[in-house]
Structures are given as structure tokens and as C-alpha cells.
């Protein structure tokens, strides 16, 4: 089987048509069409239904694409791994990361990485969905408290704890200055995530004791970044990731009332165990750590 023709077929399948694939690859549409026709002839099957407005793979075409696109990616990775032994990191590097972590940490890391490795084209996508490195085309995915997965390997890059905090001029802080235990024992005006279903929070205060806190939601928001902004306005208290609240606490914009007494949050950078750890991924991992 001609691997070049197979790669061209997978590009057409991935991008939804000959014209789109030609634009993406910067190659003539006629060349891609000829390559796919040659592949069909060598296999003796029709891979693409022509004569329809949108691309439609035949059953054989769909099976071939599903079973070979990962293999082709591994071949490219193998070539990159060999090349990386003799050269500096180069090529395209795609990273998927949770929105908050990308917002707080990755912009600065990305800027330093771009200066250190100008031959690497770095793309970071901020998204909270669980992505697959192979199927979604990422070299690296960053996850919070990931479940064990034999298909993924990587490194723990950070450990974080949620911080209960509020603005200095909020009612919560004024009451806690007089009696932290009393302020936490009563219903706590809180800003929570829209998806939160916590009935109580377990908060460890400065003296080391742990208290059950009942949040009374006064705002439900769909983003932790929104929760932070509302907390800065003095609306109520919130449990925020330490990474997100740290700068505001250091500048005095937020006051820490306690820490989440639950397990610490682990942040991992993961890649497919079926791929080589090439030079560009290794360099980015080192910079993250």
C-alpha cells in the first residue's frame, strides 16, 4: 500500500473533502484526487462516494480511515523522534489544557517556551472537555485529577488546594475578624459553580481545626473565572483553586479564610503511551515542571 496515497486519503477524510484538504496541505486538489483514485484501484474498493455535495466515505473508506490514522501519526512521531536526536525541538506542538490552568499559568509558560524554542509552533487550546491525544490531534493534554489510563503516560506538574476566600470589605471577612468559628458556623453567603452540589464544605482554618461549613448560594456561575470576579466584588465567599486565587491574596484583593480539608488537587500533563516522547514534548514538559 502506498503510504503517501494513504496519508492523502486520510487528510481528505479528516478535513471533509478534497478542496479543504488541498487548502490545508497546500497541494493541488487534482493531485489528492488522483492519489485517492490510485489507492482505490490498488485496494480494489471504492473509498469515497463521489457525486454527492458533501464528502461521504463508504463503509470500506470509514474502516480504513479509523484503522490507519493512528498508525500514520505514530510513523510521523517515530520520524520526529529520530530527527530530535540530531536537532533542536521543531515542528508543531498542540496542547489541550483546562480553561483556568491555561488562563493562570500557560500564557507565561508559552511565552517563555516560544522564546527558548523558536522552531516550534506552539498551539494551546483552553477547554474543559476531556480530550484524547490521538483522536483529537494533541501532543499533550493537561488534566486535573485524571483517572488511571493505560493508554496515557506523563508527569504530575502541580499540586493545588482550594482556598476559601472573600474580599476584604465583604461581610464575611468583617464577621470572621471577630470570630472565625462563629462566621463559619452560620450559613455562609457563597458564590458557587452552577454545577456544584456540595451540601457542606469542610474547611481547615488557621488553628488547624476543621469545620463543616454550609454555603448559602447567592450566585451560581458557570465558570471559575466568573466566580473569582464576583468574589473580588465583595459579593460573598468562594472556594477557589489556589493557583487562581494566589495572586489576589498576595496583593490583598482577597483574604484567605481557610483551606479545603479534602484531598489536594493534582494536575498532570499526559501524552499517548503509543507515541514516542519527542524532543518538543519533552522540552515543554520540562518547562512546565
C-alpha atoms as a PDB file:
ATOM      1  CA  UNK A   1       0.000   0.000   0.000  1.00  0.00           C
ATOM      2  CA  UNK A   2       1.337   3.453  -0.946  1.00  0.00           C
ATOM      3  CA  UNK A   3       1.697   5.332   2.361  1.00  0.00           C
ATOM      4  CA  UNK A   4       1.681   8.721   0.629  1.00  0.00           C
ATOM      5  CA  UNK A   5      -1.648   7.908  -1.034  1.00  0.00           C
ATOM      6  CA  UNK A   6      -2.968   6.605   2.301  1.00  0.00           C
ATOM      7  CA  UNK A   7      -1.925   9.828   4.049  1.00  0.00           C
ATOM      8  CA  UNK A   8      -3.657  11.870   1.329  1.00  0.00           C
ATOM      9  CA  UNK A   9      -6.834   9.820   1.717  1.00  0.00           C
ATOM     10  CA  UNK A  10      -6.820  10.318   5.495  1.00  0.00           C
ATOM     11  CA  UNK A  11      -6.314  14.061   5.026  1.00  0.00           C
ATOM     12  CA  UNK A  12      -9.338  14.202   2.715  1.00  0.00           C
ATOM     13  CA  UNK A  13     -11.389  12.186   5.224  1.00  0.00           C
ATOM     14  CA  UNK A  14     -10.263  14.315   8.180  1.00  0.00           C
ATOM     15  CA  UNK A  15     -10.890  17.702   6.546  1.00  0.00           C
ATOM     16  CA  UNK A  16     -14.177  16.761   4.909  1.00  0.00           C
ATOM     17  CA  UNK A  17     -13.324  16.994   1.230  1.00  0.00           C
ATOM     18  CA  UNK A  18     -10.679  17.353  -1.456  1.00  0.00           C
ATOM     19  CA  UNK A  19     -10.812  21.162  -1.564  1.00  0.00           C
ATOM     20  CA  UNK A  20     -10.480  21.574   2.209  1.00  0.00           C
ATOM     21  CA  UNK A  21      -7.613  19.073   2.365  1.00  0.00           C
ATOM     22  CA  UNK A  22      -5.856  20.780  -0.543  1.00  0.00           C
ATOM     23  CA  UNK A  23      -6.014  24.128   1.251  1.00  0.00           C
ATOM     24  CA  UNK A  24      -4.763  22.622   4.499  1.00  0.00           C
ATOM     25  CA  UNK A  25      -1.878  20.756   2.868  1.00  0.00           C
ATOM     26  CA  UNK A  26      -1.173  23.479   0.292  1.00  0.00           C
ATOM     27  CA  UNK A  27      -1.314  20.909  -2.508  1.00  0.00           C
ATOM     28  CA  UNK A  28      -3.319  20.752  -5.745  1.00  0.00           C
ATOM     29  CA  UNK A  29      -6.798  19.287  -5.408  1.00  0.00           C
ATOM     30  CA  UNK A  30      -6.240  17.273  -8.589  1.00  0.00           C
ATOM     31  CA  UNK A  31      -3.184  15.602  -7.049  1.00  0.00           C
ATOM     32  CA  UNK A  32      -5.137  14.495  -3.991  1.00  0.00           C
ATOM     33  CA  UNK A  33      -7.967  13.179  -6.160  1.00  0.00           C
ATOM     34  CA  UNK A  34      -5.515  11.209  -8.288  1.00  0.00           C
ATOM     35  CA  UNK A  35      -3.775   9.752  -5.236  1.00  0.00           C
ATOM     36  CA  UNK A  36      -7.050   8.586  -3.713  1.00  0.00           C
ATOM     37  CA  UNK A  37      -8.132   7.073  -7.038  1.00  0.00           C
ATOM     38  CA  UNK A  38      -4.831   5.176  -7.228  1.00  0.00           C
ATOM     39  CA  UNK A  39      -5.338   3.906  -3.677  1.00  0.00           C
ATOM     40  CA  UNK A  40      -8.857   2.736  -4.530  1.00  0.00           C
ATOM     41  CA  UNK A  41      -7.540   0.957  -7.607  1.00  0.00           C
ATOM     42  CA  UNK A  42      -4.773  -0.795  -5.663  1.00  0.00           C
ATOM     43  CA  UNK A  43      -7.217  -1.968  -2.988  1.00  0.00           C
ATOM     44  CA  UNK A  44      -9.987  -2.826  -5.416  1.00  0.00           C
ATOM     45  CA  UNK A  45     -12.655  -0.984  -3.404  1.00  0.00           C
ATOM     46  CA  UNK A  46     -14.410   2.378  -3.509  1.00  0.00           C
ATOM     47  CA  UNK A  47     -13.372   4.532  -0.531  1.00  0.00           C
ATOM     48  CA  UNK A  48     -15.290   7.760  -1.222  1.00  0.00           C
ATOM     49  CA  UNK A  49     -18.729   8.232  -2.752  1.00  0.00           C
ATOM     50  CA  UNK A  50     -18.355  10.850  -5.427  1.00  0.00           C
ATOM     51  CA  UNK A  51     -21.316  12.707  -6.863  1.00  0.00           C
ATOM     52  CA  UNK A  52     -22.646  13.985  -3.536  1.00  0.00           C
ATOM     53  CA  UNK A  53     -22.362  17.576  -2.295  1.00  0.00           C
ATOM     54  CA  UNK A  54     -20.534  16.678   0.900  1.00  0.00           C
ATOM     55  CA  UNK A  55     -17.835  14.090   1.373  1.00  0.00           C
ATOM     56  CA  UNK A  56     -19.188  10.666   2.247  1.00  0.00           C
ATOM     57  CA  UNK A  57     -16.947   7.728   2.989  1.00  0.00           C
ATOM     58  CA  UNK A  58     -18.022   4.249   2.026  1.00  0.00           C
ATOM     59  CA  UNK A  59     -18.036   1.593   4.735  1.00  0.00           C
ATOM     60  CA  UNK A  60     -14.635   0.446   3.476  1.00  0.00           C
ATOM     61  CA  UNK A  61     -13.341   4.005   3.461  1.00  0.00           C
ATOM     62  CA  UNK A  62     -14.544   4.629   7.009  1.00  0.00           C
ATOM     63  CA  UNK A  63     -12.910   1.413   8.258  1.00  0.00           C
ATOM     64  CA  UNK A  64      -9.626   2.210   6.516  1.00  0.00           C
ATOM     65  CA  UNK A  65      -9.524   5.731   7.967  1.00  0.00           C
ATOM     66  CA  UNK A  66     -10.314   4.596  11.516  1.00  0.00           C
ATOM     67  CA  UNK A  67      -7.691   1.852  11.478  1.00  0.00           C
ATOM     68  CA  UNK A  68      -4.819   3.741   9.839  1.00  0.00           C
ATOM     69  CA  UNK A  69      -4.894   7.367  11.016  1.00  0.00           C
ATOM     70  CA  UNK A  70      -3.385   6.464  14.381  1.00  0.00           C
ATOM     71  CA  UNK A  71      -0.702   4.350  12.695  1.00  0.00           C
ATOM     72  CA  UNK A  72       0.241   7.210  10.393  1.00  0.00           C
ATOM     73  CA  UNK A  73       0.519   9.534  13.379  1.00  0.00           C
ATOM     74  CA  UNK A  74       2.889   7.058  15.022  1.00  0.00           C
ATOM     75  CA  UNK A  75       5.038   6.929  11.890  1.00  0.00           C
ATOM     76  CA  UNK A  76       5.318  10.720  11.947  1.00  0.00           C
ATOM     77  CA  UNK A  77       6.168  10.610  15.654  1.00  0.00           C
ATOM     78  CA  UNK A  78       8.862   7.982  15.002  1.00  0.00           C
ATOM     79  CA  UNK A  79      10.414  10.232  12.366  1.00  0.00           C
ATOM     80  CA  UNK A  80      10.297  13.182  14.750  1.00  0.00           C
ATOM     81  CA  UNK A  81      11.936  11.100  17.472  1.00  0.00           C
ATOM     82  CA  UNK A  82      14.804  10.117  15.177  1.00  0.00           C
ATOM     83  CA  UNK A  83      15.226  13.684  13.966  1.00  0.00           C
ATOM     84  CA  UNK A  84      15.161  15.032  17.527  1.00  0.00           C
ATOM     85  CA  UNK A  85      18.364  13.164  18.365  1.00  0.00           C
ATOM     86  CA  UNK A  86      20.279  15.318  15.961  1.00  0.00           C
ATOM     87  CA  UNK A  87      18.473  18.638  16.103  1.00  0.00           C
ATOM     88  CA  UNK A  88      16.716  21.121  18.351  1.00  0.00           C
ATOM     89  CA  UNK A  89      12.962  20.742  19.010  1.00  0.00           C
ATOM     90  CA  UNK A  90      10.971  21.804  15.981  1.00  0.00           C
ATOM     91  CA  UNK A  91       7.590  21.369  14.314  1.00  0.00           C
ATOM     92  CA  UNK A  92       4.064  21.879  15.575  1.00  0.00           C
ATOM     93  CA  UNK A  93       3.145  21.253  19.218  1.00  0.00           C
ATOM     94  CA  UNK A  94      -0.554  21.153  20.186  1.00  0.00           C
ATOM     95  CA  UNK A  95      -1.570  21.228  23.856  1.00  0.00           C
ATOM     96  CA  UNK A  96      -5.035  20.974  25.418  1.00  0.00           C
ATOM     97  CA  UNK A  97      -5.494  22.425  28.919  1.00  0.00           C
ATOM     98  CA  UNK A  98      -8.344  23.271  31.331  1.00  0.00           C
ATOM     99  CA  UNK A  99      -9.518  26.863  30.990  1.00  0.00           C
ATOM    100  CA  UNK A 100      -8.459  28.060  34.460  1.00  0.00           C
ATOM    101  CA  UNK A 101      -4.997  26.467  34.328  1.00  0.00           C
ATOM    102  CA  UNK A 102      -4.431  27.823  30.819  1.00  0.00           C
ATOM    103  CA  UNK A 103      -5.532  31.288  31.950  1.00  0.00           C
ATOM    104  CA  UNK A 104      -3.427  31.362  35.120  1.00  0.00           C
ATOM    105  CA  UNK A 105      -0.235  29.539  34.150  1.00  0.00           C
ATOM    106  CA  UNK A 106       0.153  28.643  30.499  1.00  0.00           C
ATOM    107  CA  UNK A 107       0.315  32.087  28.899  1.00  0.00           C
ATOM    108  CA  UNK A 108       3.587  32.839  30.666  1.00  0.00           C
ATOM    109  CA  UNK A 109       4.947  29.331  30.083  1.00  0.00           C
ATOM    110  CA  UNK A 110       4.017  29.555  26.396  1.00  0.00           C
ATOM    111  CA  UNK A 111       5.787  32.894  26.025  1.00  0.00           C
ATOM    112  CA  UNK A 112       8.981  31.561  27.626  1.00  0.00           C
ATOM    113  CA  UNK A 113       8.797  28.402  25.518  1.00  0.00           C
ATOM    114  CA  UNK A 114       8.386  30.389  22.299  1.00  0.00           C
ATOM    115  CA  UNK A 115      11.486  32.419  23.116  1.00  0.00           C
ATOM    116  CA  UNK A 116      13.520  29.329  24.002  1.00  0.00           C
ATOM    117  CA  UNK A 117      12.387  27.187  21.038  1.00  0.00           C
ATOM    118  CA  UNK A 118      11.622  29.441  18.049  1.00  0.00           C
ATOM    119  CA  UNK A 119      11.473  26.455  15.665  1.00  0.00           C
ATOM    120  CA  UNK A 120       8.428  25.027  17.461  1.00  0.00           C
ATOM    121  CA  UNK A 121       4.958  26.268  16.505  1.00  0.00           C
ATOM    122  CA  UNK A 122       3.113  26.040  19.835  1.00  0.00           C
ATOM    123  CA  UNK A 123      -0.695  25.968  19.946  1.00  0.00           C
ATOM    124  CA  UNK A 124      -2.536  25.844  23.290  1.00  0.00           C
ATOM    125  CA  UNK A 125      -6.282  25.196  23.311  1.00  0.00           C
ATOM    126  CA  UNK A 126      -8.123  26.108  26.531  1.00  0.00           C
ATOM    127  CA  UNK A 127     -11.085  23.754  27.015  1.00  0.00           C
ATOM    128  CA  UNK A 128     -12.675  21.859  29.873  1.00  0.00           C
ATOM    129  CA  UNK A 129     -13.747  18.771  27.927  1.00  0.00           C
ATOM    130  CA  UNK A 130     -11.765  15.529  28.245  1.00  0.00           C
ATOM    131  CA  UNK A 131      -9.727  15.253  25.067  1.00  0.00           C
ATOM    132  CA  UNK A 132      -7.947  12.286  23.521  1.00  0.00           C
ATOM    133  CA  UNK A 133      -4.381  12.949  22.344  1.00  0.00           C
ATOM    134  CA  UNK A 134      -4.643  10.679  19.286  1.00  0.00           C
ATOM    135  CA  UNK A 135      -8.242  11.234  18.163  1.00  0.00           C
ATOM    136  CA  UNK A 136      -8.171  14.999  18.788  1.00  0.00           C
ATOM    137  CA  UNK A 137      -4.667  15.532  17.441  1.00  0.00           C
ATOM    138  CA  UNK A 138      -2.913  16.755  20.601  1.00  0.00           C
ATOM    139  CA  UNK A 139       0.698  16.094  21.541  1.00  0.00           C
ATOM    140  CA  UNK A 140      -0.039  16.791  25.202  1.00  0.00           C
ATOM    141  CA  UNK A 141      -3.196  17.070  27.318  1.00  0.00           C
ATOM    142  CA  UNK A 142      -3.333  18.611  30.786  1.00  0.00           C
ATOM    143  CA  UNK A 143      -5.891  17.160  33.185  1.00  0.00           C
ATOM    144  CA  UNK A 144      -6.969  17.760  36.773  1.00  0.00           C
ATOM    145  CA  UNK A 145      -7.129  14.619  38.953  1.00  0.00           C
ATOM    146  CA  UNK A 146      -7.034  12.286  35.937  1.00  0.00           C
ATOM    147  CA  UNK A 147      -8.249   8.720  36.253  1.00  0.00           C
ATOM    148  CA  UNK A 148      -5.652   5.984  35.665  1.00  0.00           C
ATOM    149  CA  UNK A 149      -5.459   5.212  31.947  1.00  0.00           C
ATOM    150  CA  UNK A 150      -3.085   2.631  30.491  1.00  0.00           C
ATOM    151  CA  UNK A 151      -3.101   4.485  27.163  1.00  0.00           C
ATOM    152  CA  UNK A 152      -1.748   7.708  28.728  1.00  0.00           C
ATOM    153  CA  UNK A 153       1.526   8.423  30.484  1.00  0.00           C
ATOM    154  CA  UNK A 154       3.071  11.643  31.752  1.00  0.00           C
ATOM    155  CA  UNK A 155       4.090  13.711  34.739  1.00  0.00           C
ATOM    156  CA  UNK A 156       2.434  15.435  37.667  1.00  0.00           C
ATOM    157  CA  UNK A 157       3.195  19.106  37.134  1.00  0.00           C
ATOM    158  CA  UNK A 158       1.403  20.746  40.081  1.00  0.00           C
ATOM    159  CA  UNK A 159      -0.446  20.089  43.335  1.00  0.00           C
ATOM    160  CA  UNK A 160      -3.089  22.559  44.433  1.00  0.00           C
ATOM    161  CA  UNK A 161      -5.640  23.073  47.214  1.00  0.00           C
ATOM    162  CA  UNK A 162      -8.830  25.072  47.103  1.00  0.00           C
ATOM    163  CA  UNK A 163      -8.895  28.214  49.234  1.00  0.00           C
ATOM    164  CA  UNK A 164     -11.980  29.678  50.912  1.00  0.00           C
ATOM    165  CA  UNK A 165     -11.618  33.408  50.395  1.00  0.00           C
ATOM    166  CA  UNK A 166     -13.530  36.667  50.221  1.00  0.00           C
ATOM    167  CA  UNK A 167     -12.893  40.349  49.545  1.00  0.00           C
ATOM    168  CA  UNK A 168     -11.532  42.421  52.485  1.00  0.00           C
ATOM    169  CA  UNK A 169     -14.624  44.648  52.636  1.00  0.00           C
ATOM    170  CA  UNK A 170     -17.150  41.797  52.476  1.00  0.00           C
ATOM    171  CA  UNK A 171     -19.490  40.989  55.365  1.00  0.00           C
ATOM    172  CA  UNK A 172     -17.902  37.542  55.636  1.00  0.00           C
ATOM    173  CA  UNK A 173     -14.454  38.966  56.367  1.00  0.00           C
ATOM    174  CA  UNK A 174     -15.735  41.554  58.842  1.00  0.00           C
ATOM    175  CA  UNK A 175     -17.515  38.846  60.811  1.00  0.00           C
ATOM    176  CA  UNK A 176     -14.578  36.449  60.656  1.00  0.00           C
ATOM    177  CA  UNK A 177     -12.240  39.088  62.082  1.00  0.00           C
ATOM    178  CA  UNK A 178     -14.313  38.948  65.244  1.00  0.00           C
ATOM    179  CA  UNK A 179     -14.969  35.215  65.376  1.00  0.00           C
ATOM    180  CA  UNK A 180     -13.860  32.902  62.580  1.00  0.00           C
ATOM    181  CA  UNK A 181     -15.575  29.883  64.082  1.00  0.00           C
ATOM    182  CA  UNK A 182     -18.832  31.775  64.526  1.00  0.00           C
ATOM    183  CA  UNK A 183     -18.726  33.152  60.996  1.00  0.00           C
ATOM    184  CA  UNK A 184     -18.233  29.691  59.547  1.00  0.00           C
ATOM    185  CA  UNK A 185     -20.773  28.037  61.818  1.00  0.00           C
ATOM    186  CA  UNK A 186     -23.621  30.155  60.480  1.00  0.00           C
ATOM    187  CA  UNK A 187     -24.800  29.982  56.901  1.00  0.00           C
ATOM    188  CA  UNK A 188     -22.020  31.342  54.687  1.00  0.00           C
ATOM    189  CA  UNK A 189     -23.077  33.668  51.804  1.00  0.00           C
ATOM    190  CA  UNK A 190     -21.305  31.984  48.920  1.00  0.00           C
ATOM    191  CA  UNK A 191     -20.631  32.177  45.205  1.00  0.00           C
ATOM    192  CA  UNK A 192     -20.660  28.669  43.763  1.00  0.00           C
ATOM    193  CA  UNK A 193     -20.338  26.912  40.450  1.00  0.00           C
ATOM    194  CA  UNK A 194     -23.627  26.309  38.669  1.00  0.00           C
ATOM    195  CA  UNK A 195     -22.882  22.574  38.620  1.00  0.00           C
ATOM    196  CA  UNK A 196     -21.917  22.369  42.309  1.00  0.00           C
ATOM    197  CA  UNK A 197     -23.945  20.044  44.502  1.00  0.00           C
ATOM    198  CA  UNK A 198     -21.934  20.334  47.725  1.00  0.00           C
ATOM    199  CA  UNK A 199     -24.223  20.421  50.767  1.00  0.00           C
ATOM    200  CA  UNK A 200     -21.335  21.327  53.071  1.00  0.00           C
ATOM    201  CA  UNK A 201     -17.707  22.372  52.793  1.00  0.00           C
ATOM    202  CA  UNK A 202     -15.032  21.008  55.125  1.00  0.00           C
ATOM    203  CA  UNK A 203     -12.714  23.926  55.865  1.00  0.00           C
ATOM    204  CA  UNK A 204      -9.436  23.877  57.786  1.00  0.00           C
ATOM    205  CA  UNK A 205      -8.824  27.244  59.449  1.00  0.00           C
ATOM    206  CA  UNK A 206      -5.544  28.785  60.630  1.00  0.00           C
ATOM    207  CA  UNK A 207      -5.514  26.998  64.022  1.00  0.00           C
ATOM    208  CA  UNK A 208      -5.625  23.631  62.235  1.00  0.00           C
ATOM    209  CA  UNK A 209      -9.197  22.733  63.211  1.00  0.00           C
ATOM    210  CA  UNK A 210     -11.649  21.524  60.572  1.00  0.00           C
ATOM    211  CA  UNK A 211     -15.193  22.896  60.418  1.00  0.00           C
ATOM    212  CA  UNK A 212     -18.288  21.925  58.494  1.00  0.00           C
ATOM    213  CA  UNK A 213     -19.465  24.989  56.567  1.00  0.00           C
ATOM    214  CA  UNK A 214     -22.876  25.304  54.968  1.00  0.00           C
ATOM    215  CA  UNK A 215     -22.680  27.522  51.882  1.00  0.00           C
ATOM    216  CA  UNK A 216     -25.777  29.604  51.167  1.00  0.00           C
ATOM    217  CA  UNK A 217     -25.548  30.253  47.395  1.00  0.00           C
ATOM    218  CA  UNK A 218     -26.246  33.845  46.447  1.00  0.00           C
ATOM    219  CA  UNK A 219     -24.761  33.438  42.972  1.00  0.00           C
ATOM    220  CA  UNK A 220     -24.376  30.396  40.738  1.00  0.00           C
ATOM    221  CA  UNK A 221     -21.942  30.887  37.863  1.00  0.00           C
ATOM    222  CA  UNK A 222     -20.746  28.575  35.111  1.00  0.00           C
ATOM    223  CA  UNK A 223     -17.050  29.499  35.188  1.00  0.00           C
ATOM    224  CA  UNK A 224     -14.434  29.681  37.940  1.00  0.00           C
ATOM    225  CA  UNK A 225     -13.120  32.837  36.311  1.00  0.00           C
ATOM    226  CA  UNK A 226     -16.575  34.372  36.775  1.00  0.00           C
ATOM    227  CA  UNK A 227     -16.666  33.163  40.393  1.00  0.00           C
ATOM    228  CA  UNK A 228     -13.327  34.876  41.045  1.00  0.00           C
ATOM    229  CA  UNK A 229     -14.526  38.185  39.568  1.00  0.00           C
ATOM    230  CA  UNK A 230     -17.725  38.128  41.637  1.00  0.00           C
ATOM    231  CA  UNK A 231     -15.717  37.327  44.772  1.00  0.00           C
ATOM    232  CA  UNK A 232     -13.443  40.319  44.137  1.00  0.00           C
ATOM    233  CA  UNK A 233     -16.572  42.496  44.088  1.00  0.00           C
ATOM    234  CA  UNK A 234     -17.314  41.531  47.709  1.00  0.00           C
ATOM    235  CA  UNK A 235     -20.459  39.574  46.864  1.00  0.00           C
ATOM    236  CA  UNK A 236     -19.647  36.603  49.077  1.00  0.00           C
ATOM    237  CA  UNK A 237     -17.107  33.887  49.832  1.00  0.00           C
ATOM    238  CA  UNK A 238     -15.950  31.254  47.354  1.00  0.00           C
ATOM    239  CA  UNK A 239     -13.831  28.124  47.208  1.00  0.00           C
ATOM    240  CA  UNK A 240     -11.270  28.923  44.516  1.00  0.00           C
ATOM    241  CA  UNK A 241      -8.294  26.949  43.210  1.00  0.00           C
ATOM    242  CA  UNK A 242      -5.172  28.149  44.979  1.00  0.00           C
ATOM    243  CA  UNK A 243      -3.493  28.781  41.622  1.00  0.00           C
ATOM    244  CA  UNK A 244      -6.328  31.121  40.668  1.00  0.00           C
ATOM    245  CA  UNK A 245      -6.565  32.973  43.990  1.00  0.00           C
ATOM    246  CA  UNK A 246      -2.864  33.221  44.875  1.00  0.00           C
ATOM    247  CA  UNK A 247      -2.055  36.500  43.118  1.00  0.00           C
ATOM    248  CA  UNK A 248      -5.164  38.221  44.518  1.00  0.00           C
ATOM    249  CA  UNK A 249      -4.335  37.024  48.055  1.00  0.00           C
ATOM    250  CA  UNK A 250      -0.749  38.253  47.772  1.00  0.00           C
ATOM    251  CA  UNK A 251      -1.938  41.665  46.545  1.00  0.00           C
ATOM    252  CA  UNK A 252      -4.554  41.951  49.310  1.00  0.00           C
ATOM    253  CA  UNK A 253      -7.546  41.850  46.969  1.00  0.00           C
ATOM    254  CA  UNK A 254      -8.762  38.632  48.611  1.00  0.00           C
ATOM    255  CA  UNK A 255      -8.471  37.355  52.184  1.00  0.00           C
ATOM    256  CA  UNK A 256      -7.967  33.616  52.829  1.00  0.00           C
ATOM    257  CA  UNK A 257     -10.413  32.223  55.372  1.00  0.00           C
ATOM    258  CA  UNK A 258      -9.270  28.607  55.264  1.00  0.00           C
ATOM    259  CA  UNK A 259      -8.307  25.661  53.083  1.00  0.00           C
ATOM    260  CA  UNK A 260     -10.408  22.856  51.681  1.00  0.00           C
ATOM    261  CA  UNK A 261      -9.789  19.969  54.095  1.00  0.00           C
ATOM    262  CA  UNK A 262     -10.263  17.415  51.324  1.00  0.00           C
ATOM    263  CA  UNK A 263      -7.519  15.789  49.237  1.00  0.00           C
ATOM    264  CA  UNK A 264      -5.177  18.044  47.295  1.00  0.00           C
ATOM    265  CA  UNK A 265      -5.823  18.530  43.590  1.00  0.00           C
ATOM    266  CA  UNK A 266      -3.239  17.032  41.220  1.00  0.00           C
ATOM    267  CA  UNK A 267      -2.554  18.457  37.760  1.00  0.00           C
ATOM    268  CA  UNK A 268      -0.966  16.120  35.205  1.00  0.00           C
ATOM    269  CA  UNK A 269       0.458  16.555  31.716  1.00  0.00           C
ATOM    270  CA  UNK A 270      -0.247  13.410  29.701  1.00  0.00           C
ATOM    271  CA  UNK A 271       0.573  12.015  26.279  1.00  0.00           C
ATOM    272  CA  UNK A 272      -0.287   8.831  24.422  1.00  0.00           C
ATOM    273  CA  UNK A 273       1.685   5.791  25.527  1.00  0.00           C
ATOM    274  CA  UNK A 274       1.582   4.669  21.879  1.00  0.00           C
ATOM    275  CA  UNK A 275       3.735   7.607  20.805  1.00  0.00           C
ATOM    276  CA  UNK A 276       7.374   8.463  21.291  1.00  0.00           C
ATOM    277  CA  UNK A 277       8.225  11.234  23.740  1.00  0.00           C
ATOM    278  CA  UNK A 278       9.809  13.504  21.161  1.00  0.00           C
ATOM    279  CA  UNK A 279      12.074  16.476  21.798  1.00  0.00           C
ATOM    280  CA  UNK A 280       9.418  19.199  21.576  1.00  0.00           C
ATOM    281  CA  UNK A 281       7.072  17.463  24.057  1.00  0.00           C
ATOM    282  CA  UNK A 282       9.943  16.710  26.420  1.00  0.00           C
ATOM    283  CA  UNK A 283      11.091  20.343  26.314  1.00  0.00           C
ATOM    284  CA  UNK A 284       7.593  21.639  27.053  1.00  0.00           C
ATOM    285  CA  UNK A 285       7.138  19.167  29.909  1.00  0.00           C
ATOM    286  CA  UNK A 286      10.445  20.234  31.439  1.00  0.00           C
ATOM    287  CA  UNK A 287       9.394  23.872  31.276  1.00  0.00           C
ATOM    288  CA  UNK A 288       6.020  23.099  32.880  1.00  0.00           C
ATOM    289  CA  UNK A 289       7.634  21.257  35.765  1.00  0.00           C
END
